[in-house]
Amino acid sequence: MVINKAKFDGLSPEFQQALVSSAQEAGNYQRKLVAEDQQKIIDGMKEAGVEVITDLDRKAFSDALGNQVRDMFVKDVPQGADLLKAVDEVQ
């Protein structure tokens, strides 16, 4: 949800709470729909014979790549090093 802070602050506390709660509920619903759609896509890919890499496989995949992708990202993306540092800090 995006709203001007001054406008939001001008709303009654009850309306602010209703707006925030509705936005959270909509966000949760949207994430649920995306997860369902992604699962349908993955199932279709598997049925077509595609090997799908799972979270369990991701570590081995990352280890096989080493730092190649990270090095390329740092080289090609402005502020790439800062972005990777921020990602590493939250993982």
PDB file of N, CA and C in Angstrom:
ATOM      1  N   MET A   1       0.844  -1.158   0.000  1.00  0.00           N
ATOM      2  CA  MET A   1       0.000   0.000   0.000  1.00  0.00           C
ATOM      3  C   MET A   1       0.899   1.232   0.000  1.00  0.00           C
ATOM      4  N   VAL A   2       0.519   2.205  -0.773  1.00  0.00           N
ATOM      5  CA  VAL A   2       1.245   3.468  -0.810  1.00  0.00           C
ATOM      6  C   VAL A   2       0.243   4.577  -0.528  1.00  0.00           C
ATOM      7  N   ILE A   3       0.587   5.428   0.423  1.00  0.00           N
ATOM      8  CA  ILE A   3      -0.281   6.549   0.759  1.00  0.00           C
ATOM      9  C   ILE A   3       0.579   7.685   1.297  1.00  0.00           C
ATOM     10  N   ASN A   4       0.186   8.882   0.997  1.00  0.00           N
ATOM     11  CA  ASN A   4       0.872  10.065   1.501  1.00  0.00           C
ATOM     12  C   ASN A   4       0.778  10.069   3.027  1.00  0.00           C
ATOM     13  N   LYS A   5       1.926  10.262   3.698  1.00  0.00           N
ATOM     14  CA  LYS A   5       1.954  10.205   5.165  1.00  0.00           C
ATOM     15  C   LYS A   5       1.031  11.244   5.789  1.00  0.00           C
ATOM     16  N   ALA A   6       1.032  12.451   5.239  1.00  0.00           N
ATOM     17  CA  ALA A   6       0.177  13.501   5.796  1.00  0.00           C
ATOM     18  C   ALA A   6      -1.299  13.120   5.670  1.00  0.00           C
ATOM     19  N   LYS A   7      -1.667  12.540   4.536  1.00  0.00           N
ATOM     20  CA  LYS A   7      -3.058  12.101   4.350  1.00  0.00           C
ATOM     21  C   LYS A   7      -3.394  10.972   5.333  1.00  0.00           C
ATOM     22  N   PHE A   8      -2.457  10.010   5.454  1.00  0.00           N
ATOM     23  CA  PHE A   8      -2.674   8.890   6.368  1.00  0.00           C
ATOM     24  C   PHE A   8      -2.818   9.390   7.799  1.00  0.00           C
ATOM     25  N   ASP A   9      -1.928  10.298   8.197  1.00  0.00           N
ATOM     26  CA  ASP A   9      -1.980  10.835   9.560  1.00  0.00           C
ATOM     27  C   ASP A   9      -3.260  11.617   9.811  1.00  0.00           C
ATOM     28  N   GLY A  10      -3.880  12.133   8.740  1.00  0.00           N
ATOM     29  CA  GLY A  10      -5.121  12.888   8.875  1.00  0.00           C
ATOM     30  C   GLY A  10      -6.353  12.007   9.030  1.00  0.00           C
ATOM     31  N   LEU A  11      -6.199  10.731   8.816  1.00  0.00           N
ATOM     32  CA  LEU A  11      -7.325   9.805   8.963  1.00  0.00           C
ATOM     33  C   LEU A  11      -7.548   9.475  10.438  1.00  0.00           C
ATOM     34  N   SER A  12      -8.750   9.077  10.753  1.00  0.00           N
ATOM     35  CA  SER A  12      -9.027   8.683  12.141  1.00  0.00           C
ATOM     36  C   SER A  12      -8.225   7.421  12.461  1.00  0.00           C
ATOM     37  N   PRO A  13      -7.877   7.223  13.735  1.00  0.00           N
ATOM     38  CA  PRO A  13      -7.140   6.011  14.113  1.00  0.00           C
ATOM     39  C   PRO A  13      -7.866   4.726  13.698  1.00  0.00           C
ATOM     40  N   GLU A  14      -9.188   4.741  13.787  1.00  0.00           N
ATOM     41  CA  GLU A  14      -9.955   3.559  13.400  1.00  0.00           C
ATOM     42  C   GLU A  14      -9.805   3.281  11.903  1.00  0.00           C
ATOM     43  N   PHE A  15      -9.871   4.355  11.097  1.00  0.00           N
ATOM     44  CA  PHE A  15      -9.748   4.186   9.650  1.00  0.00           C
ATOM     45  C   PHE A  15      -8.325   3.781   9.280  1.00  0.00           C
ATOM     46  N   GLN A  16      -7.332   4.353   9.972  1.00  0.00           N
ATOM     47  CA  GLN A  16      -5.938   3.959   9.731  1.00  0.00           C
ATOM     48  C   GLN A  16      -5.773   2.458   9.973  1.00  0.00           C
ATOM     49  N   GLN A  17      -6.305   1.978  11.092  1.00  0.00           N
ATOM     50  CA  GLN A  17      -6.191   0.563  11.436  1.00  0.00           C
ATOM     51  C   GLN A  17      -6.904  -0.307  10.409  1.00  0.00           C
ATOM     52  N   ALA A  18      -8.086   0.129   9.980  1.00  0.00           N
ATOM     53  CA  ALA A  18      -8.830  -0.635   8.974  1.00  0.00           C
ATOM     54  C   ALA A  18      -8.053  -0.694   7.665  1.00  0.00           C
ATOM     55  N   LEU A  19      -7.434   0.410   7.290  1.00  0.00           N
ATOM     56  CA  LEU A  19      -6.654   0.472   6.056  1.00  0.00           C
ATOM     57  C   LEU A  19      -5.437  -0.447   6.132  1.00  0.00           C
ATOM     58  N   VAL A  20      -4.716  -0.382   7.243  1.00  0.00           N
ATOM     59  CA  VAL A  20      -3.524  -1.220   7.421  1.00  0.00           C
ATOM     60  C   VAL A  20      -3.917  -2.699   7.462  1.00  0.00           C
ATOM     61  N   SER A  21      -4.961  -3.025   8.198  1.00  0.00           N
ATOM     62  CA  SER A  21      -5.412  -4.424   8.289  1.00  0.00           C
ATOM     63  C   SER A  21      -5.842  -4.950   6.927  1.00  0.00           C
ATOM     64  N   SER A  22      -6.560  -4.126   6.177  1.00  0.00           N
ATOM     65  CA  SER A  22      -7.003  -4.540   4.844  1.00  0.00           C
ATOM     66  C   SER A  22      -5.822  -4.760   3.915  1.00  0.00           C
ATOM     67  N   ALA A  23      -4.830  -3.886   3.990  1.00  0.00           N
ATOM     68  CA  ALA A  23      -3.638  -4.030   3.149  1.00  0.00           C
ATOM     69  C   ALA A  23      -2.881  -5.306   3.510  1.00  0.00           C
ATOM     70  N   GLN A  24      -2.773  -5.600   4.800  1.00  0.00           N
ATOM     71  CA  GLN A  24      -2.094  -6.827   5.225  1.00  0.00           C
ATOM     72  C   GLN A  24      -2.857  -8.062   4.751  1.00  0.00           C
ATOM     73  N   GLU A  25      -4.160  -8.028   4.879  1.00  0.00           N
ATOM     74  CA  GLU A  25      -4.986  -9.156   4.442  1.00  0.00           C
ATOM     75  C   GLU A  25      -4.864  -9.354   2.928  1.00  0.00           C
ATOM     76  N   ALA A  26      -4.898  -8.258   2.174  1.00  0.00           N
ATOM     77  CA  ALA A  26      -4.761  -8.345   0.718  1.00  0.00           C
ATOM     78  C   ALA A  26      -3.385  -8.882   0.335  1.00  0.00           C
ATOM     79  N   GLY A  27      -2.356  -8.449   1.034  1.00  0.00           N
ATOM     80  CA  GLY A  27      -1.001  -8.932   0.768  1.00  0.00           C
ATOM     81  C   GLY A  27      -0.871 -10.419   1.032  1.00  0.00           C
ATOM     82  N   ASN A  28      -1.447 -10.879   2.128  1.00  0.00           N
ATOM     83  CA  ASN A  28      -1.417 -12.315   2.453  1.00  0.00           C
ATOM     84  C   ASN A  28      -2.155 -13.127   1.394  1.00  0.00           C
ATOM     85  N   TYR A  29      -3.304 -12.618   0.962  1.00  0.00           N
ATOM     86  CA  TYR A  29      -4.090 -13.307  -0.063  1.00  0.00           C
ATOM     87  C   TYR A  29      -3.318 -13.362  -1.383  1.00  0.00           C
ATOM     88  N   GLN A  30      -2.684 -12.261  -1.737  1.00  0.00           N
ATOM     89  CA  GLN A  30      -1.905 -12.204  -2.977  1.00  0.00           C
ATOM     90  C   GLN A  30      -0.756 -13.198  -2.938  1.00  0.00           C
ATOM     91  N   ARG A  31      -0.052 -13.283  -1.814  1.00  0.00           N
ATOM     92  CA  ARG A  31       1.053 -14.242  -1.681  1.00  0.00           C
ATOM     93  C   ARG A  31       0.547 -15.681  -1.790  1.00  0.00           C
ATOM     94  N   LYS A  32      -0.631 -15.951  -1.231  1.00  0.00           N
ATOM     95  CA  LYS A  32      -1.231 -17.288  -1.324  1.00  0.00           C
ATOM     96  C   LYS A  32      -1.524 -17.629  -2.781  1.00  0.00           C
ATOM     97  N   LEU A  33      -2.106 -16.684  -3.520  1.00  0.00           N
ATOM     98  CA  LEU A  33      -2.413 -16.929  -4.931  1.00  0.00           C
ATOM     99  C   LEU A  33      -1.146 -17.163  -5.743  1.00  0.00           C
ATOM    100  N   VAL A  34      -0.115 -16.380  -5.482  1.00  0.00           N
ATOM    101  CA  VAL A  34       1.153 -16.546  -6.199  1.00  0.00           C
ATOM    102  C   VAL A  34       1.742 -17.921  -5.910  1.00  0.00           C
ATOM    103  N   ALA A  35       1.721 -18.333  -4.652  1.00  0.00           N
ATOM    104  CA  ALA A  35       2.263 -19.647  -4.286  1.00  0.00           C
ATOM    105  C   ALA A  35       1.499 -20.765  -4.995  1.00  0.00           C
ATOM    106  N   GLU A  36       0.179 -20.637  -5.064  1.00  0.00           N
ATOM    107  CA  GLU A  36      -0.626 -21.648  -5.757  1.00  0.00           C
ATOM    108  C   GLU A  36      -0.296 -21.680  -7.244  1.00  0.00           C
ATOM    109  N   ASP A  37      -0.192 -20.500  -7.864  1.00  0.00           N
ATOM    110  CA  ASP A  37       0.149 -20.423  -9.288  1.00  0.00           C
ATOM    111  C   ASP A  37       1.534 -20.993  -9.553  1.00  0.00           C
ATOM    112  N   GLN A  38       2.485 -20.673  -8.697  1.00  0.00           N
ATOM    113  CA  GLN A  38       3.839 -21.193  -8.877  1.00  0.00           C
ATOM    114  C   GLN A  38       3.851 -22.713  -8.787  1.00  0.00           C
ATOM    115  N   GLN A  39       3.078 -23.262  -7.862  1.00  0.00           N
ATOM    116  CA  GLN A  39       3.037 -24.717  -7.723  1.00  0.00           C
ATOM    117  C   GLN A  39       2.445 -25.360  -8.969  1.00  0.00           C
ATOM    118  N   LYS A  40       1.402 -24.744  -9.533  1.00  0.00           N
ATOM    119  CA  LYS A  40       0.811 -25.270 -10.769  1.00  0.00           C
ATOM    120  C   LYS A  40       1.838 -25.249 -11.902  1.00  0.00           C
ATOM    121  N   ILE A  41       2.599 -24.174 -11.991  1.00  0.00           N
ATOM    122  CA  ILE A  41       3.626 -24.059 -13.030  1.00  0.00           C
ATOM    123  C   ILE A  41       4.703 -25.121 -12.829  1.00  0.00           C
ATOM    124  N   ILE A  42       5.156 -25.272 -11.594  1.00  0.00           N
ATOM    125  CA  ILE A  42       6.189 -26.273 -11.288  1.00  0.00           C
ATOM    126  C   ILE A  42       5.681 -27.678 -11.608  1.00  0.00           C
ATOM    127  N   ASP A  43       4.441 -27.964 -11.233  1.00  0.00           N
ATOM    128  CA  ASP A  43       3.870 -29.282 -11.529  1.00  0.00           C
ATOM    129  C   ASP A  43       3.826 -29.523 -13.034  1.00  0.00           C
ATOM    130  N   GLY A  44       3.443 -28.503 -13.795  1.00  0.00           N
ATOM    131  CA  GLY A  44       3.407 -28.624 -15.249  1.00  0.00           C
ATOM    132  C   GLY A  44       4.787 -28.847 -15.839  1.00  0.00           C
ATOM    133  N   MET A  45       5.780 -28.163 -15.285  1.00  0.00           N
ATOM    134  CA  MET A  45       7.152 -28.346 -15.756  1.00  0.00           C
ATOM    135  C   MET A  45       7.626 -29.768 -15.483  1.00  0.00           C
ATOM    136  N   LYS A  46       7.323 -30.270 -14.294  1.00  0.00           N
ATOM    137  CA  LYS A  46       7.722 -31.639 -13.945  1.00  0.00           C
ATOM    138  C   LYS A  46       7.059 -32.650 -14.877  1.00  0.00           C
ATOM    139  N   GLU A  47       5.765 -32.429 -15.161  1.00  0.00           N
ATOM    140  CA  GLU A  47       5.045 -33.327 -16.065  1.00  0.00           C
ATOM    141  C   GLU A  47       5.657 -33.312 -17.461  1.00  0.00           C
ATOM    142  N   ALA A  48       6.258 -32.171 -17.836  1.00  0.00           N
ATOM    143  CA  ALA A  48       6.889 -32.045 -19.153  1.00  0.00           C
ATOM    144  C   ALA A  48       8.313 -32.591 -19.158  1.00  0.00           C
ATOM    145  N   GLY A  49       8.768 -33.092 -18.002  1.00  0.00           N
ATOM    146  CA  GLY A  49      10.089 -33.699 -17.939  1.00  0.00           C
ATOM    147  C   GLY A  49      11.209 -32.770 -17.512  1.00  0.00           C
ATOM    148  N   VAL A  50      10.863 -31.577 -17.055  1.00  0.00           N
ATOM    149  CA  VAL A  50      11.882 -30.629 -16.600  1.00  0.00           C
ATOM    150  C   VAL A  50      12.319 -31.006 -15.192  1.00  0.00           C
ATOM    151  N   GLU A  51      13.619 -30.999 -14.954  1.00  0.00           N
ATOM    152  CA  GLU A  51      14.134 -31.245 -13.609  1.00  0.00           C
ATOM    153  C   GLU A  51      14.079 -29.932 -12.838  1.00  0.00           C
ATOM    154  N   VAL A  52      13.339 -29.912 -11.776  1.00  0.00           N
ATOM    155  CA  VAL A  52      13.149 -28.701 -10.979  1.00  0.00           C
ATOM    156  C   VAL A  52      14.099 -28.744  -9.795  1.00  0.00           C
ATOM    157  N   ILE A  53      14.860 -27.674  -9.623  1.00  0.00           N
ATOM    158  CA  ILE A  53      15.803 -27.585  -8.507  1.00  0.00           C
ATOM    159  C   ILE A  53      15.048 -27.078  -7.286  1.00  0.00           C
ATOM    160  N   THR A  54      15.102 -27.845  -6.204  1.00  0.00           N
ATOM    161  CA  THR A  54      14.401 -27.476  -4.981  1.00  0.00           C
ATOM    162  C   THR A  54      15.325 -26.688  -4.062  1.00  0.00           C
ATOM    163  N   ASP A  55      14.775 -26.217  -2.965  1.00  0.00           N
ATOM    164  CA  ASP A  55      15.590 -25.507  -1.977  1.00  0.00           C
ATOM    165  C   ASP A  55      16.733 -26.384  -1.483  1.00  0.00           C
ATOM    166  N   LEU A  56      16.479 -27.677  -1.356  1.00  0.00           N
ATOM    167  CA  LEU A  56      17.523 -28.582  -0.893  1.00  0.00           C
ATOM    168  C   LEU A  56      18.669 -28.663  -1.897  1.00  0.00           C
ATOM    169  N   ASP A  57      18.342 -28.552  -3.184  1.00  0.00           N
ATOM    170  CA  ASP A  57      19.355 -28.626  -4.232  1.00  0.00           C
ATOM    171  C   ASP A  57      20.087 -27.295  -4.427  1.00  0.00           C
ATOM    172  N   ARG A  58      19.497 -26.215  -3.964  1.00  0.00           N
ATOM    173  CA  ARG A  58      20.022 -24.883  -4.227  1.00  0.00           C
ATOM    174  C   ARG A  58      21.440 -24.704  -3.678  1.00  0.00           C
ATOM    175  N   LYS A  59      21.731 -25.274  -2.517  1.00  0.00           N
ATOM    176  CA  LYS A  59      23.064 -25.152  -1.918  1.00  0.00           C
ATOM    177  C   LYS A  59      24.112 -25.791  -2.824  1.00  0.00           C
ATOM    178  N   ALA A  60      23.840 -26.984  -3.317  1.00  0.00           N
ATOM    179  CA  ALA A  60      24.788 -27.654  -4.214  1.00  0.00           C
ATOM    180  C   ALA A  60      24.966 -26.854  -5.496  1.00  0.00           C
ATOM    181  N   PHE A  61      23.879 -26.294  -6.007  1.00  0.00           N
ATOM    182  CA  PHE A  61      23.935 -25.473  -7.216  1.00  0.00           C
ATOM    183  C   PHE A  61      24.793 -24.237  -6.973  1.00  0.00           C
ATOM    184  N   SER A  62      24.581 -23.586  -5.837  1.00  0.00           N
ATOM    185  CA  SER A  62      25.352 -22.399  -5.471  1.00  0.00           C
ATOM    186  C   SER A  62      26.825 -22.735  -5.297  1.00  0.00           C
ATOM    187  N   ASP A  63      27.103 -23.857  -4.650  1.00  0.00           N
ATOM    188  CA  ASP A  63      28.494 -24.276  -4.457  1.00  0.00           C
ATOM    189  C   ASP A  63      29.176 -24.543  -5.794  1.00  0.00           C
ATOM    190  N   ALA A  64      28.444 -25.135  -6.740  1.00  0.00           N
ATOM    191  CA  ALA A  64      29.020 -25.443  -8.051  1.00  0.00           C
ATOM    192  C   ALA A  64      29.368 -24.171  -8.819  1.00  0.00           C
ATOM    193  N   LEU A  65      28.570 -23.129  -8.641  1.00  0.00           N
ATOM    194  CA  LEU A  65      28.841 -21.864  -9.323  1.00  0.00           C
ATOM    195  C   LEU A  65      29.966 -21.081  -8.668  1.00  0.00           C
ATOM    196  N   GLY A  66      30.197 -21.343  -7.402  1.00  0.00           N
ATOM    197  CA  GLY A  66      31.208 -20.571  -6.687  1.00  0.00           C
ATOM    198  C   GLY A  66      30.798 -19.111  -6.635  1.00  0.00           C
ATOM    199  N   ASN A  67      31.751 -18.236  -6.826  1.00  0.00           N
ATOM    200  CA  ASN A  67      31.471 -16.798  -6.770  1.00  0.00           C
ATOM    201  C   ASN A  67      31.304 -16.178  -8.150  1.00  0.00           C
ATOM    202  N   GLN A  68      31.172 -16.992  -9.194  1.00  0.00           N
ATOM    203  CA  GLN A  68      31.082 -16.461 -10.554  1.00  0.00           C
ATOM    204  C   GLN A  68      29.945 -15.455 -10.716  1.00  0.00           C
ATOM    205  N   VAL A  69      28.765 -15.814 -10.259  1.00  0.00           N
ATOM    206  CA  VAL A  69      27.604 -14.948 -10.426  1.00  0.00           C
ATOM    207  C   VAL A  69      27.749 -13.701  -9.565  1.00  0.00           C
ATOM    208  N   ARG A  70      28.206 -13.876  -8.339  1.00  0.00           N
ATOM    209  CA  ARG A  70      28.402 -12.717  -7.455  1.00  0.00           C
ATOM    210  C   ARG A  70      29.419 -11.754  -8.050  1.00  0.00           C
ATOM    211  N   ASP A  71      30.530 -12.288  -8.565  1.00  0.00           N
ATOM    212  CA  ASP A  71      31.563 -11.437  -9.159  1.00  0.00           C
ATOM    213  C   ASP A  71      31.014 -10.680 -10.364  1.00  0.00           C
ATOM    214  N   MET A  72      30.228 -11.360 -11.186  1.00  0.00           N
ATOM    215  CA  MET A  72      29.630 -10.724 -12.353  1.00  0.00           C
ATOM    216  C   MET A  72      28.642  -9.638 -11.911  1.00  0.00           C
ATOM    217  N   PHE A  73      27.866  -9.912 -10.874  1.00  0.00           N
ATOM    218  CA  PHE A  73      26.897  -8.951 -10.358  1.00  0.00           C
ATOM    219  C   PHE A  73      27.602  -7.700  -9.853  1.00  0.00           C
ATOM    220  N   VAL A  74      28.686  -7.883  -9.108  1.00  0.00           N
ATOM    221  CA  VAL A  74      29.450  -6.744  -8.578  1.00  0.00           C
ATOM    222  C   VAL A  74      30.023  -5.916  -9.722  1.00  0.00           C
ATOM    223  N   LYS A  75      30.492  -6.591 -10.759  1.00  0.00           N
ATOM    224  CA  LYS A  75      31.110  -5.903 -11.889  1.00  0.00           C
ATOM    225  C   LYS A  75      30.075  -5.161 -12.740  1.00  0.00           C
ATOM    226  N   ASP A  76      28.922  -5.774 -12.973  1.00  0.00           N
ATOM    227  CA  ASP A  76      27.967  -5.252 -13.946  1.00  0.00           C
ATOM    228  C   ASP A  76      26.848  -4.391 -13.370  1.00  0.00           C
ATOM    229  N   VAL A  77      26.609  -4.475 -12.079  1.00  0.00           N
ATOM    230  CA  VAL A  77      25.482  -3.758 -11.482  1.00  0.00           C
ATOM    231  C   VAL A  77      26.000  -2.617 -10.616  1.00  0.00           C
ATOM    232  N   PRO A  78      25.539  -1.388 -10.915  1.00  0.00           N
ATOM    233  CA  PRO A  78      25.939  -0.279 -10.045  1.00  0.00           C
ATOM    234  C   PRO A  78      25.523  -0.591  -8.599  1.00  0.00           C
ATOM    235  N   GLN A  79      26.402  -0.370  -7.695  1.00  0.00           N
ATOM    236  CA  GLN A  79      26.184  -0.627  -6.264  1.00  0.00           C
ATOM    237  C   GLN A  79      25.928  -2.111  -5.980  1.00  0.00           C
ATOM    238  N   GLY A  80      26.397  -2.979  -6.880  1.00  0.00           N
ATOM    239  CA  GLY A  80      26.194  -4.413  -6.716  1.00  0.00           C
ATOM    240  C   GLY A  80      26.789  -4.949  -5.431  1.00  0.00           C
ATOM    241  N   ALA A  81      27.989  -4.478  -5.093  1.00  0.00           N
ATOM    242  CA  ALA A  81      28.639  -4.952  -3.864  1.00  0.00           C
ATOM    243  C   ALA A  81      27.816  -4.574  -2.638  1.00  0.00           C
ATOM    244  N   ASP A  82      27.288  -3.353  -2.631  1.00  0.00           N
ATOM    245  CA  ASP A  82      26.474  -2.910  -1.498  1.00  0.00           C
ATOM    246  C   ASP A  82      25.185  -3.729  -1.393  1.00  0.00           C
ATOM    247  N   LEU A  83      24.579  -4.016  -2.540  1.00  0.00           N
ATOM    248  CA  LEU A  83      23.350  -4.810  -2.538  1.00  0.00           C
ATOM    249  C   LEU A  83      23.605  -6.223  -2.015  1.00  0.00           C
ATOM    250  N   LEU A  84      24.691  -6.843  -2.471  1.00  0.00           N
ATOM    251  CA  LEU A  84      25.013  -8.192  -1.993  1.00  0.00           C
ATOM    252  C   LEU A  84      25.321  -8.197  -0.502  1.00  0.00           C
ATOM    253  N   LYS A  85      25.998  -7.159  -0.042  1.00  0.00           N
ATOM    254  CA  LYS A  85      26.302  -7.061   1.390  1.00  0.00           C
ATOM    255  C   LYS A  85      25.002  -6.986   2.198  1.00  0.00           C
ATOM    256  N   ALA A  86      24.039  -6.194   1.711  1.00  0.00           N
ATOM    257  CA  ALA A  86      22.758  -6.071   2.408  1.00  0.00           C
ATOM    258  C   ALA A  86      22.018  -7.407   2.428  1.00  0.00           C
ATOM    259  N   VAL A  87      22.059  -8.141   1.321  1.00  0.00           N
ATOM    260  CA  VAL A  87      21.409  -9.454   1.262  1.00  0.00           C
ATOM    261  C   VAL A  87      22.074 -10.412   2.243  1.00  0.00           C
ATOM    262  N   ASP A  88      23.401 -10.417   2.255  1.00  0.00           N
ATOM    263  CA  ASP A  88      24.132 -11.309   3.160  1.00  0.00           C
ATOM    264  C   ASP A  88      23.809 -11.019   4.622  1.00  0.00           C
ATOM    265  N   GLU A  89      23.598  -9.752   4.936  1.00  0.00           N
ATOM    266  CA  GLU A  89      23.326  -9.372   6.326  1.00  0.00           C
ATOM    267  C   GLU A  89      21.964  -9.865   6.808  1.00  0.00           C
ATOM    268  N   VAL A  90      21.006 -10.016   5.898  1.00  0.00           N
ATOM    269  CA  VAL A  90      19.674 -10.455   6.327  1.00  0.00           C
ATOM    270  C   VAL A  90      19.488 -11.961   6.227  1.00  0.00           C
ATOM    271  N   GLN A  91      20.438 -12.660   5.626  1.00  0.00           N
ATOM    272  CA  GLN A  91      20.290 -14.115   5.493  1.00  0.00           C
ATOM    273  C   GLN A  91      20.741 -14.824   6.721  1.00  0.00           C
TER     274      GLN A  91
END
